[in-house]
């Protein structure tokens, strides 16, 4: 067991139309605002091999749950298209956890026989996707529990508290700028 066990903070979905899904989450689920990064390109390791991703990423809040929407633009294999091929979304994809002892969390899953499907770094924060699909029906994502990632997620949660519905879609640069100030 790892230090963040049982503390899912994020539900993530693969979508074919990120704009339509943000609109759905805002209008029907009351989630938001969403912070959107179009064409986020990251170098990653996919199933042990160097690769890259090109995605649109939107992050918002629905009550206590962090919502992540991902639209894939690249054609190379990714954890996102492993279980949700392009054109078959929207589909639930993964649960996200924060792990204070990131290496121990990843090692616990590897020790239990699960494959590391993808890993990379967002800003200064490492992330890993563990292929738990056959066991629990989705991937498991770990973020290292850093001050940077906590501040980012707190900003998103705070933006949703008492939110009046204005500016439902905001550029990710607004969030990143706040973090750098």
Protein backbone atom coordinates (compact mmCIF):
# COMPACT_ATOMS: atom_id res chain seq x y z
CA UNK A 1 0.00 0.00 0.00
CA UNK A 2 1.25 3.53 -0.73
CA UNK A 3 0.83 6.75 1.22
CA UNK A 4 -2.07 8.05 -0.90
CA UNK A 5 -4.09 4.83 -1.04
CA UNK A 6 -7.83 5.40 -1.10
CA UNK A 7 -7.47 9.10 -1.85
CA UNK A 8 -8.50 9.46 -5.47
CA UNK A 9 -8.40 13.15 -6.31
CA UNK A 10 -8.93 13.02 -10.06
CA UNK A 11 -11.23 11.39 -12.60
CA UNK A 12 -10.06 11.65 -16.19
CA UNK A 13 -11.84 11.17 -19.49
CA UNK A 14 -10.67 10.77 -23.07
CA UNK A 15 -12.85 12.83 -25.39
CA UNK A 16 -13.18 13.41 -29.12
CA UNK A 17 -14.37 17.02 -28.78
CA UNK A 18 -12.94 18.80 -25.76
CA UNK A 19 -15.03 21.93 -26.34
CA UNK A 20 -18.29 19.97 -26.34
CA UNK A 21 -17.25 18.05 -23.22
CA UNK A 22 -16.28 21.21 -21.31
CA UNK A 23 -19.65 22.66 -22.29
CA UNK A 24 -21.39 19.51 -21.00
CA UNK A 25 -19.52 19.51 -17.69
CA UNK A 26 -20.18 23.22 -17.15
CA UNK A 27 -23.84 23.32 -18.17
CA UNK A 28 -25.11 19.95 -16.96
CA UNK A 29 -22.73 18.91 -14.19
CA UNK A 30 -22.00 22.37 -12.75
CA UNK A 31 -18.25 21.77 -12.97
CA UNK A 32 -15.73 24.46 -13.68
CA UNK A 33 -14.20 26.68 -14.54
CA UNK A 34 -11.92 24.65 -16.79
CA UNK A 35 -8.32 25.60 -17.49
CA UNK A 36 -7.47 24.61 -21.07
CA UNK A 37 -4.12 23.91 -22.69
CA UNK A 38 -4.35 23.26 -26.42
CA UNK A 39 -1.72 21.17 -28.16
CA UNK A 40 0.23 20.28 -25.05
CA UNK A 41 3.27 18.43 -26.33
CA UNK A 42 5.38 16.39 -23.94
CA UNK A 43 8.23 13.95 -24.36
CA UNK A 44 7.27 10.78 -22.53
CA UNK A 45 8.23 7.16 -22.20
CA UNK A 46 5.53 4.83 -23.49
CA UNK A 47 5.84 1.18 -22.44
CA UNK A 48 9.61 1.51 -22.09
CA UNK A 49 10.24 3.39 -25.35
CA UNK A 50 10.84 7.15 -25.91
CA UNK A 51 7.82 8.83 -27.47
CA UNK A 52 5.76 11.99 -27.31
CA UNK A 53 2.17 13.12 -26.90
CA UNK A 54 0.17 15.97 -28.41
CA UNK A 55 -3.09 16.54 -26.54
CA UNK A 56 -5.60 19.18 -25.56
CA UNK A 57 -5.90 19.14 -21.78
CA UNK A 58 -8.67 20.74 -19.71
CA UNK A 59 -8.72 20.66 -15.92
CA UNK A 60 -11.65 21.71 -13.75
CA UNK A 61 -13.39 20.86 -10.52
CA UNK A 62 -16.74 19.19 -9.77
CA UNK A 63 -17.26 19.58 -6.03
CA UNK A 64 -14.41 17.71 -4.34
CA UNK A 65 -13.41 15.87 -7.55
CA UNK A 66 -10.77 17.12 -9.95
CA UNK A 67 -11.95 16.55 -13.57
CA UNK A 68 -9.47 16.10 -16.40
CA UNK A 69 -10.49 16.01 -20.07
CA UNK A 70 -8.00 14.86 -22.71
CA UNK A 71 -8.32 15.04 -26.48
CA UNK A 72 -5.55 13.22 -28.36
CA UNK A 73 -4.07 14.71 -31.55
CA UNK A 74 -1.03 12.49 -32.17
CA UNK A 75 -1.16 9.21 -34.06
CA UNK A 76 1.56 7.39 -32.15
CA UNK A 77 0.45 4.89 -29.50
CA UNK A 78 -0.36 6.37 -26.09
CA UNK A 79 -2.00 5.24 -22.88
CA UNK A 80 -4.92 7.36 -23.97
CA UNK A 81 -5.56 5.39 -27.15
CA UNK A 82 -4.69 1.99 -25.62
CA UNK A 83 -8.23 1.66 -24.31
CA UNK A 84 -10.06 4.55 -25.99
CA UNK A 85 -9.21 4.58 -29.71
CA UNK A 86 -9.72 7.91 -31.47
CA UNK A 87 -13.35 8.35 -32.41
CA UNK A 88 -14.72 6.17 -29.59
CA UNK A 89 -14.81 8.78 -26.81
CA UNK A 90 -15.90 10.10 -24.46
CA UNK A 91 -14.81 7.40 -22.06
CA UNK A 92 -13.56 7.24 -18.51
CA UNK A 93 -9.80 6.63 -18.55
CA UNK A 94 -8.05 6.89 -15.19
CA UNK A 95 -8.09 7.69 -11.51
CA UNK A 96 -5.41 10.06 -10.29
CA UNK A 97 -3.53 9.93 -6.99
CA UNK A 98 -0.93 12.09 -5.29
CA UNK A 99 1.92 10.13 -3.71
CA UNK A 100 4.28 11.68 -1.17
CA UNK A 101 6.64 8.76 -1.74
CA UNK A 102 6.26 8.58 -5.50
CA UNK A 103 8.91 5.91 -6.05
CA UNK A 104 7.40 3.65 -3.38
CA UNK A 105 3.92 3.99 -4.87
CA UNK A 106 5.16 3.05 -8.33
CA UNK A 107 7.26 0.20 -6.91
CA UNK A 108 4.25 -1.16 -5.00
CA UNK A 109 2.26 -1.45 -8.21
CA UNK A 110 5.17 -2.91 -10.15
CA UNK A 111 5.72 -5.38 -7.31
CA UNK A 112 2.09 -6.41 -7.64
CA UNK A 113 2.70 -7.22 -11.31
CA UNK A 114 1.39 -4.07 -13.02
CA UNK A 115 3.20 -2.53 -15.99
CA UNK A 116 4.28 1.10 -16.13
CA UNK A 117 2.51 2.18 -19.30
CA UNK A 118 3.66 5.79 -19.55
CA UNK A 119 5.76 8.24 -17.62
CA UNK A 120 6.87 11.82 -18.00
CA UNK A 121 7.16 15.18 -16.31
CA UNK A 122 4.64 18.05 -16.28
CA UNK A 123 6.44 21.22 -15.21
CA UNK A 124 8.68 19.89 -12.45
CA UNK A 125 6.29 17.14 -11.36
CA UNK A 126 6.77 13.52 -12.45
CA UNK A 127 3.75 11.43 -13.40
CA UNK A 128 3.27 7.75 -14.16
CA UNK A 129 0.38 5.79 -15.64
CA UNK A 130 0.13 2.22 -14.39
CA UNK A 131 -1.76 -0.27 -16.55
CA UNK A 132 -4.39 -1.46 -14.10
CA UNK A 133 -7.06 -1.68 -16.79
CA UNK A 134 -7.65 -5.43 -16.57
CA UNK A 135 -7.81 -5.29 -12.76
CA UNK A 136 -10.01 -2.22 -12.16
CA UNK A 137 -11.28 -1.13 -15.57
CA UNK A 138 -9.07 1.93 -15.92
CA UNK A 139 -5.50 3.16 -15.67
CA UNK A 140 -4.05 4.47 -12.42
CA UNK A 141 -2.07 7.72 -12.56
CA UNK A 142 0.36 8.92 -9.93
CA UNK A 143 1.63 12.46 -9.58
CA UNK A 144 4.47 13.09 -7.20
CA UNK A 145 2.98 15.07 -4.32
CA UNK A 146 4.98 18.28 -4.77
CA UNK A 147 4.30 21.84 -3.63
CA UNK A 148 3.94 22.79 -7.31
CA UNK A 149 1.22 20.26 -8.10
CA UNK A 150 -0.64 20.90 -4.82
CA UNK A 151 -0.64 24.65 -5.53
CA UNK A 152 -1.97 24.05 -9.04
CA UNK A 153 -4.76 21.75 -7.88
CA UNK A 154 -5.65 24.10 -5.01
CA UNK A 155 -5.92 27.03 -7.42
CA UNK A 156 -8.31 25.01 -9.61
CA UNK A 157 -10.41 23.94 -6.61
CA UNK A 158 -10.48 27.49 -5.21
CA UNK A 159 -11.59 28.86 -8.59
CA UNK A 160 -14.64 26.59 -8.41
CA UNK A 161 -15.63 27.61 -4.87
CA UNK A 162 -18.47 30.11 -5.14
CA UNK A 163 -17.94 30.27 -8.91
CA UNK A 164 -20.69 32.30 -10.58
CA UNK A 165 -20.40 30.62 -14.00
CA UNK A 166 -18.45 33.47 -15.59
CA UNK A 167 -15.49 32.66 -17.81
CA UNK A 168 -16.17 28.91 -17.86
CA UNK A 169 -13.14 28.24 -20.07
CA UNK A 170 -9.85 29.85 -19.10
CA UNK A 171 -6.42 29.50 -20.65
CA UNK A 172 -4.02 27.23 -18.80
CA UNK A 173 -1.50 30.07 -19.10
CA UNK A 174 -3.59 31.98 -16.50
CA UNK A 175 -3.08 29.17 -14.02
CA UNK A 176 0.60 28.73 -14.85
CA UNK A 177 1.20 32.49 -14.63
CA UNK A 178 -0.35 32.57 -11.16
CA UNK A 179 1.97 29.77 -10.10
CA UNK A 180 5.03 31.66 -11.37
CA UNK A 181 4.11 34.95 -9.66
